[in-house]
Amino acid sequence: MGFGRFLALLLPLLLCVFASPLFATDFLPAEQIAGDGLTRYSLSRLANNVLAFDSEGRLHAVYWSGPEGAYTNPTSPAYVYYRIWLPESGWSGQISIDDSFNGDGHIGGRHPSLAITDSDTVWVVWHDGRDTTPGNWLDNLEIYADFRPKGGAFSSSDIRLSNGTGNGYVPRVAADASGRIHATWYDFHFTQGSDTELNVSDIFLKSSDAEGLFNPAETMTDIQFTDYTQRGGAVYTTPSYTMPDLAVDPSGDRHLIWVVGTGDSSPLYYARIPAGSATATEAQIEPQVRAYFDPPHIAAAPNGDIWIAYADAAATSRVMLKRLRAGQTAFDTPIPISSDNAVNQYNPDVEVDADGIAHIVWIRRRSTSDRDILYATYDIATDTVGEPLVLSPEAGKWDRPSLALSDTGVAILFEKSVSLSVGQIWFVTDIAPKTTAVKTWEAYR
């Protein structure tokens, strides 16, 4: 074979090996990674930050098991699970990491979130039923955490982050470049009573020091971020703040978003907390978005821009992106991502890569039992949305998609609801096992 023909064959192979797959559209087939036909496996209701890559390309993920609509208790326990994925070997076995027990047995945690520090320590937070009153099981849900050092294991004793007298729910966690861990959630500590009309939740925010140590002496007042008395205070009319999400930008500033109440739609609020500060001013940034059941997600781009993915509250909802440029105080005009306005599209997640490409995954719903998981990219420089790809393998009740980026590609988790008591976790990626140009060339011999 002549040298020219050799190069003609080799060049496409080299391009395949070394080209950035962040622009690729060739996903591997979706695979079910959890689900036994008997158990309900779920991602968090706010499915941002449930998977992330470490510095060596390992994917870490969390999810939970337990029936929807039932209190967590010893006869119906929940479990928080953790797993690792590598392109060459696939998924590790799932391990339960919530040491949630009382005298009656395992109680369990729900709705976990995950963050990875620059030193590859993995942090997981969740809300937990171990401190509830036996027989009630829903009077004192608290926020717990655990961590896994690089190459190590989770501990056998969890870290309690909240110390309240009411229920705390759906925590999110993020790490900054200094090693500090930040967790946010909504909590009924100051207002929970026997009359549900008295219950008004606020947003709480707790941060560690640079060693990852949380101050156990902090009270709920110390970590209260919003105050219901500042927005009315009347027990029957003051709205609850719920479903906070959190991102930390490269400078260490924390960015929070949240919605109001537990309805289908509400205003969207935002606050920026500068590094080293504990206070901020909240602002309403959208009058109506899909809210409690499909909450907005927030992400920090490598250049410091902040991106929010949400669905609007139109009769037929659309997926939207909202951008706050680094150093600015006002968001840009929202960017529509979904183009088919004949069907509801909602529950988006977003991450932005170093090349200025936003990666978005969301749900397209034709009916209750006929939904798709869609993925598309948005080129920020050219203001161009790529053609959406369908990632779900079949018609079904797909829900809660979440994505993570690495230098080599995209990883996405989503769930499938089979029934109130049975659910599955699915995974799809465009990251193939590594090969080499030499080995690929040998196939032509």
Protein backbone atom coordinates (compact mmCIF):
# COMPACT_ATOMS: atom_id res chain seq x y z
CA MET A 1 0.00 0.00 0.00
CA GLY A 2 1.32 3.47 -0.90
CA PHE A 3 2.00 6.09 1.75
CA GLY A 4 -0.71 8.36 0.31
CA ARG A 5 -3.37 5.67 0.68
CA PHE A 6 -2.10 4.95 4.21
CA LEU A 7 -2.64 8.60 5.19
CA ALA A 8 -6.04 8.69 3.51
CA LEU A 9 -7.17 5.77 5.68
CA LEU A 10 -5.44 6.91 8.85
CA LEU A 11 -6.52 10.57 8.90
CA PRO A 12 -10.26 9.96 9.50
CA LEU A 13 -9.38 7.57 12.29
CA LEU A 14 -7.13 10.12 13.97
CA LEU A 15 -9.88 12.73 13.70
CA CYS A 16 -12.32 10.36 15.37
CA VAL A 17 -9.89 9.69 18.20
CA PHE A 18 -8.79 13.24 18.92
CA ALA A 19 -11.81 15.37 17.97
CA SER A 20 -13.84 16.72 20.88
CA PRO A 21 -16.96 14.56 21.36
CA LEU A 22 -18.81 17.46 22.99
CA PHE A 23 -20.07 18.25 19.51
CA ALA A 24 -20.84 14.64 18.66
CA THR A 25 -24.35 13.41 18.07
CA ASP A 26 -23.59 9.69 18.28
CA PHE A 27 -24.87 8.51 21.64
CA LEU A 28 -24.46 4.90 22.65
CA PRO A 29 -27.72 2.99 23.23
CA ALA A 30 -29.50 3.89 26.47
CA GLU A 31 -29.17 1.27 29.20
CA GLN A 32 -31.18 0.55 32.32
CA ILE A 33 -28.88 0.63 35.34
CA ALA A 34 -31.37 0.21 38.21
CA GLY A 35 -34.74 -1.50 38.43
CA ASP A 36 -35.79 -4.97 39.51
CA GLY A 37 -39.52 -4.87 38.74
CA LEU A 38 -40.36 -4.64 42.44
CA THR A 39 -38.73 -1.42 43.69
CA ARG A 40 -39.22 2.24 42.90
CA TYR A 41 -35.86 3.74 41.90
CA SER A 42 -35.91 7.51 41.41
CA LEU A 43 -33.73 10.52 40.84
CA SER A 44 -34.37 13.54 42.99
CA ARG A 45 -37.41 15.66 42.21
CA LEU A 46 -34.88 18.43 41.58
CA ALA A 47 -32.55 16.32 39.47
CA ASN A 48 -29.71 18.81 39.11
CA ASN A 49 -26.38 17.70 40.60
CA VAL A 50 -27.11 13.99 40.80
CA LEU A 51 -24.09 13.01 38.68
CA ALA A 52 -20.64 14.50 38.11
CA PHE A 53 -17.25 13.63 36.69
CA ASP A 54 -14.07 13.74 38.76
CA SER A 55 -10.68 14.93 37.51
CA GLU A 56 -9.79 11.47 36.14
CA GLY A 57 -12.96 10.98 34.11
CA ARG A 58 -14.87 8.75 36.54
CA LEU A 59 -18.61 9.45 36.66
CA HIS A 60 -20.21 9.46 40.11
CA ALA A 61 -23.99 9.23 40.51
CA VAL A 62 -26.65 9.09 43.23
CA TYR A 63 -30.31 8.08 43.28
CA TRP A 64 -32.74 6.63 45.79
CA SER A 65 -35.30 3.89 46.23
CA GLY A 66 -38.65 3.94 48.01
CA PRO A 67 -42.32 4.23 47.03
CA GLU A 68 -43.68 7.56 45.89
CA GLY A 69 -46.48 8.96 48.02
CA ALA A 70 -45.63 6.86 51.10
CA TYR A 71 -43.90 7.99 54.28
CA THR A 72 -40.44 6.59 54.84
CA ASN A 73 -40.61 4.17 57.76
CA PRO A 74 -39.19 0.79 58.83
CA THR A 75 -41.80 -1.18 56.89
CA SER A 76 -41.43 1.04 53.82
CA PRO A 77 -37.81 2.25 53.98
CA ALA A 78 -35.90 4.36 51.52
CA TYR A 79 -32.24 4.08 50.54
CA VAL A 80 -29.74 6.51 49.04
CA TYR A 81 -27.52 4.76 46.48
CA TYR A 82 -24.15 5.67 45.00
CA ARG A 83 -22.30 4.28 41.97
CA ILE A 84 -19.27 4.94 39.74
CA TRP A 85 -19.07 4.53 35.95
CA LEU A 86 -16.02 4.14 33.72
CA PRO A 87 -16.13 3.83 29.92
CA GLU A 88 -13.99 0.69 29.95
CA SER A 89 -15.75 -1.22 32.74
CA GLY A 90 -19.22 0.29 33.01
CA TRP A 91 -21.09 0.73 36.29
CA SER A 92 -20.00 -0.44 39.71
CA GLY A 93 -22.56 -2.09 41.93
CA GLN A 94 -24.86 0.21 43.84
CA ILE A 95 -24.10 0.79 47.52
CA SER A 96 -26.43 2.25 50.13
CA ILE A 97 -24.76 5.18 51.89
CA ASP A 98 -27.44 6.52 54.25
CA ASP A 99 -26.89 5.15 57.76
CA SER A 100 -30.47 5.98 58.65
CA PHE A 101 -31.61 3.92 61.61
CA ASN A 102 -33.61 4.25 64.77
CA GLY A 103 -34.74 1.57 67.21
CA ASP A 104 -37.21 0.15 64.70
CA GLY A 105 -34.72 -0.42 61.87
CA HIS A 106 -33.67 1.35 58.69
CA ILE A 107 -35.72 4.46 57.92
CA GLY A 108 -33.92 6.01 54.97
CA GLY A 109 -33.09 9.07 52.95
CA ARG A 110 -34.55 10.55 49.79
CA HIS A 111 -33.77 13.06 47.04
CA PRO A 112 -29.94 13.00 47.14
CA SER A 113 -27.57 15.49 45.50
CA LEU A 114 -23.86 15.14 44.75
CA ALA A 115 -20.80 17.39 44.39
CA ILE A 116 -17.11 16.69 43.81
CA THR A 117 -14.26 18.86 45.12
CA ASP A 118 -11.07 19.67 43.24
CA SER A 119 -9.38 16.93 45.27
CA ASP A 120 -12.00 14.42 44.04
CA THR A 121 -13.76 14.06 47.37
CA VAL A 122 -17.39 13.13 46.71
CA TRP A 123 -20.07 14.77 48.86
CA VAL A 124 -23.69 13.58 48.98
CA VAL A 125 -26.60 15.24 50.80
CA TRP A 126 -30.22 14.10 51.24
CA HIS A 127 -33.24 14.53 53.48
CA ASP A 128 -33.71 11.79 56.06
CA GLY A 129 -36.42 10.33 58.30
CA ARG A 130 -34.35 8.93 61.17
CA ASP A 131 -35.25 11.80 63.55
CA THR A 132 -39.01 11.56 63.06
CA THR A 133 -41.35 10.29 65.75
CA PRO A 134 -42.10 6.54 65.39
CA GLY A 135 -45.65 6.13 64.21
CA ASN A 136 -45.69 9.59 62.69
CA TRP A 137 -42.61 9.40 60.41
CA LEU A 138 -43.21 12.88 58.95
CA ASP A 139 -42.69 15.38 61.76
CA ASN A 140 -38.93 16.02 61.70
CA LEU A 141 -37.16 15.27 58.42
CA GLU A 142 -33.57 16.48 58.66
CA ILE A 143 -30.73 17.10 56.19
CA TYR A 144 -27.77 14.72 56.29
CA ALA A 145 -24.50 14.39 54.41
CA ASP A 146 -21.61 12.00 53.94
CA PHE A 147 -18.41 12.13 51.93
CA ARG A 148 -16.02 9.75 50.20
CA PRO A 149 -12.35 10.78 49.95
CA LYS A 150 -10.60 9.95 46.70
CA GLY A 151 -9.91 6.23 46.70
CA GLY A 152 -11.72 5.82 50.03
CA ALA A 153 -15.20 4.95 51.23
CA PHE A 154 -18.21 6.64 52.77
CA SER A 155 -18.29 6.61 56.56
CA SER A 156 -20.61 4.59 58.76
CA SER A 157 -21.85 7.74 60.51
CA ASP A 158 -23.47 10.58 58.59
CA ILE A 159 -23.17 14.32 59.20
CA ARG A 160 -26.32 16.08 60.33
CA LEU A 161 -26.55 19.48 58.65
CA SER A 162 -29.89 20.70 60.03
CA ASN A 163 -31.07 20.64 63.61
CA GLY A 164 -34.65 21.78 63.38
CA THR A 165 -38.07 20.98 64.71
CA GLY A 166 -39.79 20.81 61.33
CA ASN A 167 -39.29 19.10 58.01
CA GLY A 168 -36.42 19.93 55.66
CA TYR A 169 -36.61 18.81 52.04
CA VAL A 170 -34.67 18.22 48.81
CA PRO A 171 -31.16 19.56 49.56
CA ARG A 172 -28.74 20.52 46.79
CA VAL A 173 -24.97 20.63 47.24
CA ALA A 174 -22.06 22.35 45.48
CA ALA A 175 -18.32 22.70 46.09
CA ASP A 176 -16.13 25.72 45.42
CA ALA A 177 -12.48 25.87 44.39
CA SER A 178 -11.32 26.48 47.97
CA GLY A 179 -12.77 23.17 49.18
CA ARG A 180 -15.83 24.62 50.88
CA ILE A 181 -19.08 22.67 50.61
CA HIS A 182 -22.37 24.53 50.32
CA ALA A 183 -25.80 22.97 50.85
CA THR A 184 -29.24 24.52 50.42
CA TRP A 185 -32.75 23.20 51.06
CA TYR A 186 -36.20 24.37 52.10
CA ASP A 187 -37.38 23.87 55.66
CA PHE A 188 -40.49 24.40 57.80
CA HIS A 189 -38.50 24.74 61.03
CA PHE A 190 -39.89 28.10 62.18
CA THR A 191 -43.56 27.53 61.36
CA GLN A 192 -44.39 23.83 61.33
CA GLY A 193 -47.55 23.17 63.33
CA SER A 194 -50.50 20.80 63.55
CA ASP A 195 -52.55 23.06 61.26
CA THR A 196 -51.00 22.71 57.81
CA GLU A 197 -52.06 26.26 56.97
CA LEU A 198 -49.48 27.45 59.50
CA ASN A 199 -46.65 25.77 57.65
CA VAL A 200 -44.48 28.21 55.70
CA SER A 201 -41.08 27.09 54.45
CA ASP A 202 -37.95 29.16 53.98
CA ILE A 203 -34.65 28.63 52.16
CA PHE A 204 -31.64 27.60 54.24
CA LEU A 205 -27.96 27.69 53.28
CA LYS A 206 -25.12 26.04 55.19
CA SER A 207 -21.43 26.15 54.26
CA SER A 208 -18.35 24.34 55.52
CA ASP A 209 -14.84 25.65 56.01
CA ALA A 210 -12.08 25.00 53.46
CA GLU A 211 -11.40 21.61 55.07
CA GLY A 212 -14.97 20.51 54.49
CA LEU A 213 -15.89 20.78 58.18
CA PHE A 214 -19.35 22.06 59.10
CA ASN A 215 -19.87 24.00 62.32
CA PRO A 216 -22.13 21.88 64.56
CA ALA A 217 -22.84 24.87 66.80
CA GLU A 218 -24.68 26.77 64.05
CA THR A 219 -28.38 27.14 64.78
CA MET A 220 -31.22 27.14 62.29
CA THR A 221 -31.35 30.92 62.70
CA ASP A 222 -27.68 31.13 61.74
CA ILE A 223 -28.27 29.34 58.43
CA GLN A 224 -31.70 30.76 57.55
CA PHE A 225 -31.36 32.48 54.17
CA THR A 226 -34.89 33.79 53.59
CA ASP A 227 -37.33 34.95 56.26
CA TYR A 228 -41.08 34.48 55.88
CA THR A 229 -41.75 37.41 58.22
CA GLN A 230 -40.11 39.71 55.65
CA ARG A 231 -42.61 38.74 52.97
CA GLY A 232 -45.80 39.13 54.97
CA GLY A 233 -45.62 36.90 58.00
CA ALA A 234 -49.37 36.25 58.11
CA VAL A 235 -49.83 32.55 58.76
CA TYR A 236 -52.57 31.98 56.20
CA THR A 237 -51.29 34.08 53.31
CA THR A 238 -47.49 34.08 53.39
CA PRO A 239 -46.12 31.95 50.53
CA SER A 240 -43.60 29.19 51.11
CA TYR A 241 -40.27 29.28 49.33
CA THR A 242 -39.38 25.83 47.95
CA MET A 243 -37.10 23.79 45.67
CA PRO A 244 -33.88 25.83 45.85
CA ASP A 245 -31.05 25.03 43.45
CA LEU A 246 -27.44 26.11 43.84
CA ALA A 247 -24.38 26.81 41.68
CA VAL A 248 -20.96 28.19 42.59
CA ASP A 249 -19.03 30.22 40.01
CA PRO A 250 -15.22 30.15 39.59
CA SER A 251 -14.79 33.15 41.92
CA GLY A 252 -16.63 31.36 44.74
CA ASP A 253 -19.86 33.36 44.55
CA ARG A 254 -22.95 31.27 45.25
CA HIS A 255 -26.04 31.60 43.09
CA LEU A 256 -29.43 30.44 44.33
CA ILE A 257 -32.79 30.07 42.62
CA TRP A 258 -36.10 28.89 44.05
CA VAL A 259 -39.84 28.85 43.44
CA VAL A 260 -42.95 29.54 45.50
CA GLY A 261 -45.23 26.93 47.05
CA THR A 262 -46.03 23.44 45.81
CA GLY A 263 -48.12 24.25 42.75
CA ASP A 264 -47.61 23.72 39.04
CA SER A 265 -46.37 27.26 38.41
CA SER A 266 -44.98 30.18 40.39
CA PRO A 267 -42.59 33.13 40.17
CA LEU A 268 -38.86 32.34 39.94
CA TYR A 269 -36.49 33.99 42.42
CA TYR A 270 -32.72 34.48 42.32
CA ALA A 271 -30.01 35.63 44.73
CA ARG A 272 -26.22 35.95 44.49
CA ILE A 273 -24.16 35.50 47.66
CA PRO A 274 -20.60 36.82 47.21
CA ALA A 275 -17.72 34.66 48.43
CA GLY A 276 -17.15 35.27 52.13
CA SER A 277 -20.61 36.77 52.67
CA ALA A 278 -23.76 35.26 54.13
CA THR A 279 -26.31 37.79 52.93
CA ALA A 280 -27.84 38.75 49.61
CA THR A 281 -30.85 40.46 48.11
CA GLU A 282 -33.46 38.25 46.51
CA ALA A 283 -35.10 39.27 43.25
CA GLN A 284 -37.96 37.89 41.18
CA ILE A 285 -36.54 37.19 37.71
CA GLU A 286 -39.54 35.51 36.04
CA PRO A 287 -43.24 36.06 36.83
CA GLN A 288 -44.37 32.47 36.13
CA VAL A 289 -42.47 29.25 35.45
CA ARG A 290 -43.23 25.58 35.88
CA ALA A 291 -42.36 25.15 39.50
CA TYR A 292 -42.57 22.54 42.25
CA PHE A 293 -42.95 19.38 40.14
CA ASP A 294 -40.60 20.54 37.36
CA PRO A 295 -38.30 22.99 39.15
CA PRO A 296 -35.76 25.17 37.35
CA HIS A 297 -32.06 24.20 37.35
CA ILE A 298 -29.02 26.49 37.65
CA ALA A 299 -25.44 25.99 36.42
CA ALA A 300 -22.20 27.99 36.41
CA ALA A 301 -20.19 28.06 33.19
CA PRO A 302 -16.38 27.87 33.21
CA ASN A 303 -16.20 31.59 32.26
CA GLY A 304 -18.37 32.61 35.24
CA ASP A 305 -21.66 33.06 33.38
CA ILE A 306 -24.73 31.74 35.20
CA TRP A 307 -27.35 29.76 33.28
CA ILE A 308 -30.86 28.82 34.38
CA ALA A 309 -32.92 26.19 32.57
CA TYR A 310 -36.67 26.25 33.10
CA ALA A 311 -40.01 25.69 31.42
CA ASP A 312 -42.35 28.62 31.03
CA ALA A 313 -45.90 28.49 32.35
CA ALA A 314 -47.64 28.82 29.01
CA ALA A 315 -50.57 26.56 28.19
CA THR A 316 -48.09 24.51 26.16
CA SER A 317 -44.84 24.92 28.05
CA ARG A 318 -41.51 25.62 26.35
CA VAL A 319 -37.95 25.00 27.50
CA MET A 320 -36.08 28.25 28.11
CA LEU A 321 -32.55 29.32 29.05
CA LYS A 322 -31.74 32.43 31.05
CA ARG A 323 -28.19 33.85 31.13
CA LEU A 324 -26.46 36.13 33.61
CA ARG A 325 -23.12 37.19 32.18
CA ALA A 326 -20.13 37.20 34.52
CA GLY A 327 -19.84 40.53 36.30
CA GLN A 328 -23.34 41.69 35.32
CA THR A 329 -26.37 42.19 37.54
CA ALA A 330 -29.21 41.74 35.03
CA PHE A 331 -30.12 38.61 33.10
CA ASP A 332 -30.30 38.60 29.31
CA THR A 333 -33.56 38.07 27.46
CA PRO A 334 -34.66 34.41 27.84
CA ILE A 335 -33.68 32.06 25.01
CA PRO A 336 -36.26 29.52 23.74
CA ILE A 337 -34.75 26.07 23.22
CA SER A 338 -37.67 23.79 22.36
CA SER A 339 -39.25 24.46 18.99
CA ASP A 340 -42.34 22.22 18.85
CA ASN A 341 -45.03 24.31 20.52
CA ALA A 342 -47.74 21.72 19.93
CA VAL A 343 -46.71 19.60 22.96
CA ASN A 344 -45.53 20.35 26.48
CA GLN A 345 -41.76 20.42 26.92
CA TYR A 346 -40.35 20.87 30.40
CA ASN A 347 -38.03 19.72 33.23
CA PRO A 348 -34.75 20.82 31.57
CA ASP A 349 -31.21 20.49 32.87
CA VAL A 350 -28.26 22.47 31.49
CA GLU A 351 -24.45 22.47 31.64
CA VAL A 352 -22.07 24.69 29.66
CA ASP A 353 -18.67 23.56 28.38
CA ALA A 354 -15.44 25.52 28.02
CA ASP A 355 -16.08 26.08 24.30
CA GLY A 356 -19.25 28.06 24.96
CA ILE A 357 -21.71 25.29 24.10
CA ALA A 358 -24.74 24.78 26.35
CA HIS A 359 -25.94 21.19 26.60
CA ILE A 360 -29.62 20.79 27.45
CA VAL A 361 -31.73 17.73 28.21
CA TRP A 362 -35.50 17.82 28.81
CA ILE A 363 -38.86 16.07 28.50
CA ARG A 364 -41.27 16.22 25.57
CA ARG A 365 -44.70 15.02 26.67
CA ARG A 366 -47.37 13.88 24.25
CA SER A 367 -49.46 12.16 26.92
CA THR A 368 -49.05 10.84 30.46
CA SER A 369 -47.53 7.58 29.23
CA ASP A 370 -45.86 8.86 26.05
CA ARG A 371 -42.85 11.06 26.77
CA ASP A 372 -39.41 11.46 25.22
CA ILE A 373 -36.08 12.50 26.67
CA LEU A 374 -34.58 15.08 24.30
CA TYR A 375 -31.04 16.47 24.08
CA ALA A 376 -29.76 19.47 22.15
CA THR A 377 -26.90 21.94 22.16
CA TYR A 378 -27.02 25.70 22.03
CA ASP A 379 -24.06 27.53 20.48
CA ILE A 380 -23.80 30.74 22.49
CA ALA A 381 -21.61 32.58 19.98
CA THR A 382 -23.92 31.98 17.03
CA ASP A 383 -27.23 31.88 18.95
CA THR A 384 -28.02 28.53 17.32
CA VAL A 385 -29.93 25.59 18.74
CA GLY A 386 -28.96 22.20 17.36
CA GLU A 387 -31.45 19.62 16.16
CA PRO A 388 -32.88 17.79 19.21
CA LEU A 389 -32.03 14.11 19.60
CA VAL A 390 -34.38 11.57 21.18
CA LEU A 391 -32.45 9.61 23.82
CA SER A 392 -35.21 7.53 25.41
CA PRO A 393 -35.35 4.08 23.78
CA GLU A 394 -39.15 3.68 23.68
CA ALA A 395 -42.42 5.33 24.61
CA GLY A 396 -42.90 5.55 28.37
CA LYS A 397 -43.25 7.75 31.44
CA TRP A 398 -39.71 9.17 31.30
CA ASP A 399 -38.87 11.81 33.85
CA ARG A 400 -36.23 13.94 35.65
CA PRO A 401 -33.31 14.01 33.20
CA SER A 402 -29.94 15.24 34.43
CA LEU A 403 -26.62 15.63 32.65
CA ALA A 404 -22.92 16.06 33.38
CA LEU A 405 -20.01 17.07 31.16
CA SER A 406 -16.40 15.97 31.06
CA ASP A 407 -13.53 16.76 28.71
CA THR A 408 -14.51 13.70 26.69
CA GLY A 409 -18.28 13.92 26.43
CA VAL A 410 -21.75 13.95 27.93
CA ALA A 411 -23.43 11.63 30.45
CA ILE A 412 -27.16 11.68 31.14
CA LEU A 413 -29.36 9.95 33.71
CA PHE A 414 -33.14 9.82 33.60
CA GLU A 415 -35.85 7.75 35.22
CA LYS A 416 -38.80 5.74 34.02
CA SER A 417 -41.93 5.44 36.12
CA VAL A 418 -43.55 2.04 35.84
CA SER A 419 -45.99 2.55 38.73
CA LEU A 420 -46.13 4.33 42.09
CA SER A 421 -44.10 1.46 43.55
CA VAL A 422 -41.86 0.50 40.61
CA GLY A 423 -39.34 2.67 38.77
CA GLN A 424 -36.09 2.44 36.81
CA ILE A 425 -32.93 4.51 36.31
CA TRP A 426 -31.51 4.77 32.77
CA PHE A 427 -28.19 6.02 31.45
CA VAL A 428 -26.94 7.26 28.09
CA THR A 429 -23.62 8.73 26.99
CA ASP A 430 -21.58 9.58 23.92
CA ILE A 431 -18.35 8.50 25.65
CA ALA A 432 -17.11 5.26 24.13
CA PRO A 433 -14.34 3.10 25.64
CA LYS A 434 -10.95 4.50 24.69
CA THR A 435 -9.17 3.06 21.72
CA THR A 436 -6.03 4.05 19.84
CA ALA A 437 -5.38 4.96 16.26
CA VAL A 438 -2.91 2.05 16.01
CA LYS A 439 -5.44 -0.51 17.21
CA THR A 440 -8.12 0.94 14.97
CA TRP A 441 -5.72 0.92 12.04
CA GLU A 442 -5.04 -2.77 12.64
CA ALA A 443 -8.66 -3.48 11.72
CA TYR A 444 -7.78 -2.47 8.15
CA ARG A 445 -4.94 -5.00 7.84
